[in-house]
Amino acid sequence: MAQITICFRLIISVNLWITKLNIKYILIYIVPTKKKLLRGIAVDDQSYQCGVTLTLEMIGGKWKGVILWHLLNKTLRFSQLQRRIPKVTQKMLTQQLREMERDDLIHRKVYAEVPPRVEYSLSSKGESLADILTLMCEWGKKNVSACKAEDGAA
């Protein structure tokens, strides 16, 4: 009976998370073994051990979180993003923006002007990451002194 309760709680929490992210196709699988239950999520024929894996695939990497952070409060053009993140190359910024557009985290609006103007903003799915990004920022601020101490010791 306890295993059934765990299954239902997992399904309810995953469904709430999926509703926020507007994922269209999902399959939750639970495989009982002798030692424990193996739980996972399958989205669009890709299998993930847990929701953290899926989230990190969508916002993971060196620049995606930083780009999303800059887009939290305002719409920015490509050149503005490049100036705000000086260490990112043009190729990498373009690649990260395309991936986030594909994952529906950002909107790309192209204006029919000469020279062409492109603006990036967060989609509703991207805006749902605001709490996570804020917590990551706060955690970084709290632990920056520990990182500096480790760099000095090395």
N, C-alpha and C. Protein backbone atom coordinates (compact mmCIF):
# COMPACT_ATOMS: atom_id res chain seq x y z
N MET A 1 0.82 -1.20 0.00
CA MET A 1 0.00 0.00 0.00
C MET A 1 0.86 1.26 0.00
N ALA A 2 1.99 1.22 0.72
CA ALA A 2 2.88 2.38 0.76
C ALA A 2 3.45 2.67 -0.62
N GLN A 3 3.73 1.64 -1.40
CA GLN A 3 4.28 1.84 -2.73
C GLN A 3 3.25 2.52 -3.64
N ILE A 4 1.99 2.18 -3.50
CA ILE A 4 0.94 2.80 -4.31
C ILE A 4 0.82 4.28 -3.96
N THR A 5 0.87 4.61 -2.66
CA THR A 5 0.81 5.99 -2.23
C THR A 5 1.97 6.79 -2.82
N ILE A 6 3.16 6.23 -2.81
CA ILE A 6 4.33 6.90 -3.38
C ILE A 6 4.10 7.16 -4.86
N CYS A 7 3.54 6.18 -5.57
CA CYS A 7 3.28 6.33 -7.00
C CYS A 7 2.32 7.48 -7.26
N PHE A 8 1.23 7.54 -6.50
CA PHE A 8 0.25 8.59 -6.72
C PHE A 8 0.83 9.96 -6.40
N ARG A 9 1.62 10.07 -5.32
CA ARG A 9 2.24 11.35 -4.99
C ARG A 9 3.18 11.80 -6.09
N LEU A 10 3.94 10.89 -6.65
CA LEU A 10 4.87 11.21 -7.73
C LEU A 10 4.11 11.72 -8.95
N ILE A 11 3.05 11.04 -9.31
CA ILE A 11 2.27 11.41 -10.49
C ILE A 11 1.64 12.79 -10.29
N ILE A 12 1.10 13.06 -9.11
CA ILE A 12 0.47 14.36 -8.85
C ILE A 12 1.51 15.48 -8.92
N SER A 13 2.68 15.30 -8.27
CA SER A 13 3.68 16.37 -8.28
C SER A 13 4.25 16.58 -9.67
N VAL A 14 4.45 15.52 -10.44
CA VAL A 14 4.96 15.66 -11.80
C VAL A 14 3.93 16.34 -12.68
N ASN A 15 2.65 16.01 -12.52
CA ASN A 15 1.61 16.65 -13.32
C ASN A 15 1.53 18.15 -13.03
N LEU A 16 1.68 18.56 -11.78
CA LEU A 16 1.66 19.98 -11.45
C LEU A 16 2.84 20.68 -12.11
N TRP A 17 4.02 20.06 -12.07
CA TRP A 17 5.22 20.63 -12.67
C TRP A 17 5.07 20.72 -14.19
N ILE A 18 4.48 19.70 -14.79
CA ILE A 18 4.31 19.65 -16.25
C ILE A 18 3.31 20.71 -16.69
N THR A 19 2.27 20.95 -15.91
CA THR A 19 1.28 21.96 -16.25
C THR A 19 1.94 23.33 -16.34
N LYS A 20 2.88 23.62 -15.43
CA LYS A 20 3.59 24.90 -15.46
C LYS A 20 4.44 25.03 -16.71
N LEU A 21 5.04 23.94 -17.18
CA LEU A 21 5.95 23.99 -18.32
C LEU A 21 5.25 23.75 -19.66
N ASN A 22 3.96 23.45 -19.65
CA ASN A 22 3.18 23.22 -20.88
C ASN A 22 3.77 22.11 -21.76
N ILE A 23 4.17 21.01 -21.16
CA ILE A 23 4.70 19.89 -21.93
C ILE A 23 3.52 19.11 -22.47
N LYS A 24 3.57 18.77 -23.78
CA LYS A 24 2.43 18.16 -24.45
C LYS A 24 2.35 16.65 -24.24
N TYR A 25 3.46 15.95 -24.32
CA TYR A 25 3.43 14.51 -24.27
C TYR A 25 4.33 14.02 -23.15
N ILE A 26 3.78 13.28 -22.22
CA ILE A 26 4.60 12.76 -21.12
C ILE A 26 4.13 11.38 -20.72
N LEU A 27 5.07 10.58 -20.34
CA LEU A 27 4.78 9.24 -19.85
C LEU A 27 5.58 9.06 -18.57
N ILE A 28 4.92 8.72 -17.51
CA ILE A 28 5.61 8.48 -16.25
C ILE A 28 5.71 6.97 -16.08
N TYR A 29 6.92 6.53 -15.82
CA TYR A 29 7.07 5.10 -15.63
C TYR A 29 7.64 4.80 -14.25
N ILE A 30 7.13 3.75 -13.65
CA ILE A 30 7.59 3.30 -12.35
C ILE A 30 7.83 1.80 -12.46
N VAL A 31 9.05 1.40 -12.21
CA VAL A 31 9.42 -0.01 -12.36
C VAL A 31 9.75 -0.56 -10.98
N PRO A 32 8.93 -1.46 -10.45
CA PRO A 32 9.26 -2.05 -9.15
C PRO A 32 10.39 -3.06 -9.29
N THR A 33 11.35 -3.00 -8.40
CA THR A 33 12.43 -3.99 -8.34
C THR A 33 12.43 -4.57 -6.93
N LYS A 34 13.31 -5.50 -6.67
CA LYS A 34 13.36 -6.10 -5.34
C LYS A 34 13.81 -5.10 -4.29
N LYS A 35 14.71 -4.19 -4.66
CA LYS A 35 15.26 -3.26 -3.67
C LYS A 35 14.47 -1.96 -3.57
N LYS A 36 14.09 -1.37 -4.71
CA LYS A 36 13.42 -0.07 -4.67
C LYS A 36 12.63 0.15 -5.94
N LEU A 37 11.87 1.23 -5.97
CA LEU A 37 11.13 1.62 -7.17
C LEU A 37 12.02 2.51 -8.02
N LEU A 38 12.13 2.21 -9.29
CA LEU A 38 12.83 3.08 -10.22
C LEU A 38 11.80 3.99 -10.85
N ARG A 39 11.95 5.28 -10.65
CA ARG A 39 10.99 6.23 -11.18
C ARG A 39 11.64 7.07 -12.26
N GLY A 40 10.84 7.53 -13.20
CA GLY A 40 11.39 8.37 -14.24
C GLY A 40 10.31 9.07 -15.03
N ILE A 41 10.75 9.88 -15.95
CA ILE A 41 9.85 10.65 -16.79
C ILE A 41 10.30 10.48 -18.23
N ALA A 42 9.35 10.27 -19.13
CA ALA A 42 9.68 10.23 -20.55
C ALA A 42 8.92 11.36 -21.24
N VAL A 43 9.64 12.23 -21.91
CA VAL A 43 9.04 13.36 -22.61
C VAL A 43 9.48 13.28 -24.06
N ASP A 44 8.50 13.25 -24.96
CA ASP A 44 8.79 13.20 -26.39
C ASP A 44 9.84 12.13 -26.71
N ASP A 45 9.62 10.93 -26.25
CA ASP A 45 10.46 9.76 -26.50
C ASP A 45 11.86 9.86 -25.89
N GLN A 46 12.09 10.77 -24.96
CA GLN A 46 13.35 10.84 -24.24
C GLN A 46 13.08 10.48 -22.79
N SER A 47 13.96 9.68 -22.21
CA SER A 47 13.76 9.22 -20.84
C SER A 47 14.65 10.00 -19.88
N TYR A 48 14.08 10.42 -18.75
CA TYR A 48 14.79 11.16 -17.72
C TYR A 48 14.57 10.47 -16.39
N GLN A 49 15.61 10.40 -15.57
CA GLN A 49 15.50 9.76 -14.27
C GLN A 49 14.60 10.57 -13.35
N CYS A 50 14.65 11.90 -13.45
CA CYS A 50 13.79 12.74 -12.61
C CYS A 50 13.61 14.10 -13.29
N GLY A 51 12.79 14.93 -12.69
CA GLY A 51 12.52 16.25 -13.24
C GLY A 51 13.74 17.16 -13.27
N VAL A 52 14.68 16.94 -12.34
CA VAL A 52 15.89 17.76 -12.30
C VAL A 52 16.69 17.56 -13.58
N THR A 53 16.77 16.33 -14.06
CA THR A 53 17.50 16.04 -15.30
C THR A 53 16.89 16.79 -16.47
N LEU A 54 15.58 16.75 -16.57
CA LEU A 54 14.88 17.46 -17.65
C LEU A 54 15.11 18.97 -17.54
N THR A 55 15.00 19.51 -16.33
CA THR A 55 15.20 20.94 -16.13
C THR A 55 16.61 21.36 -16.51
N LEU A 56 17.60 20.58 -16.07
CA LEU A 56 18.98 20.92 -16.39
C LEU A 56 19.27 20.79 -17.88
N GLU A 57 18.60 19.89 -18.56
CA GLU A 57 18.80 19.79 -20.00
C GLU A 57 18.27 21.05 -20.70
N MET A 58 17.18 21.60 -20.16
CA MET A 58 16.59 22.78 -20.79
C MET A 58 17.33 24.07 -20.43
N ILE A 59 17.81 24.20 -19.18
CA ILE A 59 18.46 25.45 -18.78
C ILE A 59 19.93 25.26 -18.41
N GLY A 60 20.44 24.04 -18.57
CA GLY A 60 21.83 23.77 -18.21
C GLY A 60 22.80 24.36 -19.21
N GLY A 61 24.05 24.27 -18.89
CA GLY A 61 25.08 24.83 -19.74
C GLY A 61 25.64 26.08 -19.11
N LYS A 62 26.69 26.59 -19.71
CA LYS A 62 27.40 27.72 -19.13
C LYS A 62 26.63 29.03 -19.27
N TRP A 63 25.85 29.19 -20.33
CA TRP A 63 25.29 30.51 -20.63
C TRP A 63 23.78 30.61 -20.54
N LYS A 64 23.04 29.51 -20.61
CA LYS A 64 21.58 29.60 -20.65
C LYS A 64 21.00 30.30 -19.42
N GLY A 65 21.47 29.93 -18.24
CA GLY A 65 20.98 30.55 -17.02
C GLY A 65 21.26 32.04 -16.99
N VAL A 66 22.45 32.43 -17.44
CA VAL A 66 22.82 33.85 -17.47
C VAL A 66 21.94 34.61 -18.46
N ILE A 67 21.73 34.03 -19.63
CA ILE A 67 20.87 34.66 -20.65
C ILE A 67 19.45 34.83 -20.10
N LEU A 68 18.92 33.76 -19.50
CA LEU A 68 17.57 33.84 -18.94
C LEU A 68 17.50 34.90 -17.85
N TRP A 69 18.55 35.01 -17.03
CA TRP A 69 18.58 36.01 -15.95
C TRP A 69 18.48 37.42 -16.53
N HIS A 70 19.22 37.68 -17.60
CA HIS A 70 19.20 39.01 -18.21
C HIS A 70 17.85 39.30 -18.88
N LEU A 71 17.16 38.27 -19.33
CA LEU A 71 15.87 38.47 -19.99
C LEU A 71 14.69 38.50 -19.00
N LEU A 72 14.97 38.27 -17.73
CA LEU A 72 13.89 38.23 -16.73
C LEU A 72 13.07 39.51 -16.70
N ASN A 73 13.71 40.64 -16.74
CA ASN A 73 13.00 41.90 -16.52
C ASN A 73 12.80 42.75 -17.77
N LYS A 74 13.46 42.39 -18.87
CA LYS A 74 13.27 43.23 -20.06
C LYS A 74 13.59 42.46 -21.33
N THR A 75 13.06 42.97 -22.41
CA THR A 75 13.33 42.45 -23.75
C THR A 75 14.66 43.03 -24.21
N LEU A 76 15.53 42.17 -24.77
CA LEU A 76 16.85 42.63 -25.20
C LEU A 76 17.13 42.20 -26.63
N ARG A 77 17.93 43.01 -27.31
CA ARG A 77 18.41 42.68 -28.65
C ARG A 77 19.67 41.83 -28.51
N PHE A 78 20.05 41.18 -29.61
CA PHE A 78 21.22 40.31 -29.61
C PHE A 78 22.46 41.06 -29.14
N SER A 79 22.69 42.24 -29.68
CA SER A 79 23.89 43.01 -29.33
C SER A 79 23.88 43.42 -27.86
N GLN A 80 22.71 43.69 -27.31
CA GLN A 80 22.61 44.04 -25.90
C GLN A 80 22.99 42.84 -25.02
N LEU A 81 22.53 41.65 -25.42
CA LEU A 81 22.91 40.45 -24.68
C LEU A 81 24.42 40.22 -24.76
N GLN A 82 24.99 40.45 -25.94
CA GLN A 82 26.43 40.27 -26.11
C GLN A 82 27.21 41.23 -25.21
N ARG A 83 26.76 42.46 -25.08
CA ARG A 83 27.45 43.42 -24.21
C ARG A 83 27.30 43.06 -22.74
N ARG A 84 26.15 42.52 -22.37
CA ARG A 84 25.93 42.16 -20.96
C ARG A 84 26.68 40.90 -20.56
N ILE A 85 27.00 40.05 -21.54
CA ILE A 85 27.73 38.81 -21.28
C ILE A 85 28.98 38.82 -22.16
N PRO A 86 29.99 39.59 -21.80
CA PRO A 86 31.13 39.80 -22.70
C PRO A 86 31.97 38.55 -22.98
N LYS A 87 31.94 37.56 -22.11
CA LYS A 87 32.78 36.38 -22.31
C LYS A 87 32.19 35.37 -23.29
N VAL A 88 30.91 35.50 -23.64
CA VAL A 88 30.28 34.54 -24.55
C VAL A 88 30.61 34.93 -25.99
N THR A 89 30.92 33.92 -26.80
CA THR A 89 31.19 34.19 -28.22
C THR A 89 29.87 34.35 -28.96
N GLN A 90 29.94 34.97 -30.12
CA GLN A 90 28.74 35.18 -30.93
C GLN A 90 28.12 33.85 -31.32
N LYS A 91 28.95 32.88 -31.69
CA LYS A 91 28.47 31.57 -32.10
C LYS A 91 27.75 30.86 -30.94
N MET A 92 28.34 30.91 -29.75
CA MET A 92 27.74 30.24 -28.60
C MET A 92 26.44 30.93 -28.18
N LEU A 93 26.42 32.25 -28.21
CA LEU A 93 25.20 32.98 -27.86
C LEU A 93 24.08 32.63 -28.83
N THR A 94 24.39 32.60 -30.11
CA THR A 94 23.41 32.23 -31.13
C THR A 94 22.88 30.82 -30.90
N GLN A 95 23.79 29.90 -30.62
CA GLN A 95 23.40 28.50 -30.40
C GLN A 95 22.51 28.36 -29.18
N GLN A 96 22.88 29.02 -28.07
CA GLN A 96 22.09 28.93 -26.85
C GLN A 96 20.70 29.55 -27.04
N LEU A 97 20.64 30.68 -27.74
CA LEU A 97 19.35 31.32 -27.99
C LEU A 97 18.46 30.44 -28.86
N ARG A 98 19.03 29.80 -29.87
CA ARG A 98 18.24 28.89 -30.72
C ARG A 98 17.70 27.71 -29.93
N GLU A 99 18.53 27.13 -29.07
CA GLU A 99 18.08 25.99 -28.25
C GLU A 99 16.95 26.41 -27.32
N MET A 100 17.08 27.57 -26.70
CA MET A 100 16.03 28.03 -25.79
C MET A 100 14.77 28.41 -26.54
N GLU A 101 14.91 28.90 -27.76
CA GLU A 101 13.74 29.18 -28.59
C GLU A 101 13.05 27.86 -28.98
N ARG A 102 13.84 26.85 -29.33
CA ARG A 102 13.30 25.53 -29.67
C ARG A 102 12.55 24.93 -28.48
N ASP A 103 13.08 25.13 -27.26
CA ASP A 103 12.45 24.60 -26.05
C ASP A 103 11.34 25.50 -25.53
N ASP A 104 11.01 26.55 -26.27
CA ASP A 104 9.95 27.50 -25.93
C ASP A 104 10.20 28.21 -24.60
N LEU A 105 11.46 28.51 -24.31
CA LEU A 105 11.78 29.29 -23.12
C LEU A 105 11.83 30.78 -23.43
N ILE A 106 12.13 31.12 -24.70
CA ILE A 106 12.20 32.52 -25.11
C ILE A 106 11.44 32.73 -26.41
N HIS A 107 11.07 33.99 -26.65
CA HIS A 107 10.46 34.41 -27.92
C HIS A 107 11.50 35.18 -28.70
N ARG A 108 11.50 35.00 -30.00
CA ARG A 108 12.38 35.73 -30.89
C ARG A 108 11.49 36.53 -31.84
N LYS A 109 11.60 37.85 -31.79
CA LYS A 109 10.77 38.70 -32.65
C LYS A 109 11.69 39.40 -33.64
N VAL A 110 11.42 39.18 -34.93
CA VAL A 110 12.21 39.78 -36.01
C VAL A 110 11.41 40.92 -36.62
N TYR A 111 12.03 42.10 -36.71
CA TYR A 111 11.39 43.25 -37.32
C TYR A 111 11.88 43.39 -38.75
N ALA A 112 10.97 43.67 -39.67
CA ALA A 112 11.32 43.83 -41.09
C ALA A 112 11.86 45.24 -41.32
N GLU A 113 13.10 45.44 -40.92
CA GLU A 113 13.76 46.73 -41.06
C GLU A 113 15.13 46.52 -41.68
N VAL A 114 15.73 47.62 -42.13
CA VAL A 114 17.11 47.57 -42.59
C VAL A 114 17.89 48.55 -41.72
N PRO A 115 18.88 48.11 -40.97
CA PRO A 115 19.31 46.73 -40.78
C PRO A 115 18.29 45.95 -39.94
N PRO A 116 18.30 44.62 -40.09
CA PRO A 116 17.32 43.81 -39.37
C PRO A 116 17.49 43.95 -37.85
N ARG A 117 16.35 43.93 -37.17
CA ARG A 117 16.36 44.04 -35.71
C ARG A 117 15.68 42.81 -35.15
N VAL A 118 16.33 42.16 -34.18
CA VAL A 118 15.80 40.96 -33.54
C VAL A 118 15.78 41.20 -32.04
N GLU A 119 14.65 40.93 -31.41
CA GLU A 119 14.52 41.08 -29.97
C GLU A 119 14.16 39.75 -29.33
N TYR A 120 14.71 39.53 -28.15
CA TYR A 120 14.46 38.31 -27.40
C TYR A 120 13.77 38.65 -26.09
N SER A 121 12.78 37.84 -25.74
CA SER A 121 12.07 38.00 -24.47
C SER A 121 11.70 36.63 -23.95
N LEU A 122 11.34 36.56 -22.69
CA LEU A 122 10.96 35.27 -22.09
C LEU A 122 9.54 34.90 -22.49
N SER A 123 9.33 33.63 -22.75
CA SER A 123 7.98 33.11 -22.96
C SER A 123 7.36 32.84 -21.59
N SER A 124 6.13 32.40 -21.57
CA SER A 124 5.51 32.08 -20.27
C SER A 124 6.23 30.93 -19.60
N LYS A 125 6.72 29.98 -20.39
CA LYS A 125 7.49 28.87 -19.82
C LYS A 125 8.79 29.39 -19.24
N GLY A 126 9.43 30.32 -19.93
CA GLY A 126 10.66 30.91 -19.42
C GLY A 126 10.43 31.73 -18.16
N GLU A 127 9.31 32.43 -18.11
CA GLU A 127 8.97 33.22 -16.92
C GLU A 127 8.71 32.32 -15.72
N SER A 128 8.28 31.09 -15.96
CA SER A 128 8.04 30.17 -14.84
C SER A 128 9.35 29.77 -14.15
N LEU A 129 10.49 30.07 -14.76
CA LEU A 129 11.80 29.77 -14.17
C LEU A 129 12.31 30.91 -13.28
N ALA A 130 11.56 31.98 -13.14
CA ALA A 130 12.01 33.15 -12.38
C ALA A 130 12.40 32.79 -10.95
N ASP A 131 11.60 31.99 -10.28
CA ASP A 131 11.90 31.61 -8.88
C ASP A 131 13.21 30.82 -8.80
N ILE A 132 13.39 29.88 -9.73
CA ILE A 132 14.61 29.07 -9.74
C ILE A 132 15.83 29.95 -9.97
N LEU A 133 15.75 30.85 -10.94
CA LEU A 133 16.87 31.73 -11.25
C LEU A 133 17.20 32.66 -10.08
N THR A 134 16.17 33.17 -9.42
CA THR A 134 16.38 34.04 -8.26
C THR A 134 17.07 33.27 -7.14
N LEU A 135 16.62 32.06 -6.89
CA LEU A 135 17.25 31.23 -5.85
C LEU A 135 18.71 30.91 -6.20
N MET A 136 18.97 30.65 -7.48
CA MET A 136 20.35 30.38 -7.90
C MET A 136 21.22 31.61 -7.68
N CYS A 137 20.70 32.78 -7.97
CA CYS A 137 21.44 34.02 -7.77
C CYS A 137 21.74 34.24 -6.28
N GLU A 138 20.74 34.05 -5.44
CA GLU A 138 20.92 34.22 -4.00
C GLU A 138 21.94 33.21 -3.46
N TRP A 139 21.86 31.97 -3.92
CA TRP A 139 22.80 30.95 -3.48
C TRP A 139 24.22 31.33 -3.88
N GLY A 140 24.38 31.83 -5.10
CA GLY A 140 25.70 32.25 -5.57
C GLY A 140 26.26 33.38 -4.72
N LYS A 141 25.42 34.36 -4.38
CA LYS A 141 25.87 35.48 -3.55
C LYS A 141 26.30 35.01 -2.17
N LYS A 142 25.56 34.05 -1.60
CA LYS A 142 25.90 33.54 -0.27
C LYS A 142 27.20 32.74 -0.29
N ASN A 143 27.48 32.06 -1.39
CA ASN A 143 28.63 31.16 -1.44
C ASN A 143 29.82 31.72 -2.20
N VAL A 144 29.78 32.97 -2.61
CA VAL A 144 30.89 33.55 -3.36
C VAL A 144 32.15 33.61 -2.50
N SER A 145 32.01 33.88 -1.21
CA SER A 145 33.19 33.93 -0.34
C SER A 145 33.84 32.56 -0.20
N ALA A 146 33.03 31.50 -0.16
CA ALA A 146 33.58 30.15 -0.08
C ALA A 146 34.34 29.79 -1.34
N CYS A 147 33.82 30.25 -2.50
CA CYS A 147 34.51 29.99 -3.78
C CYS A 147 35.84 30.73 -3.84
N LYS A 148 35.86 31.98 -3.35
CA LYS A 148 37.10 32.76 -3.34
C LYS A 148 38.13 32.13 -2.42
N ALA A 149 37.67 31.60 -1.27
CA ALA A 149 38.59 30.95 -0.32
C ALA A 149 39.19 29.69 -0.94
N GLU A 150 38.38 28.93 -1.67
CA GLU A 150 38.89 27.72 -2.32
C GLU A 150 39.90 28.07 -3.41
N ASP A 151 39.64 29.15 -4.17
CA ASP A 151 40.56 29.57 -5.23
C ASP A 151 41.89 30.03 -4.63
N GLY A 152 41.85 30.70 -3.49
CA GLY A 152 43.06 31.17 -2.83
C GLY A 152 43.89 30.02 -2.28
N ALA A 153 43.21 28.95 -1.83
CA ALA A 153 43.90 27.80 -1.24
C ALA A 153 44.53 26.93 -2.33
N ALA A 154 44.00 26.96 -3.53
CA ALA A 154 44.49 26.09 -4.59
C ALA A 154 45.78 26.56 -5.20
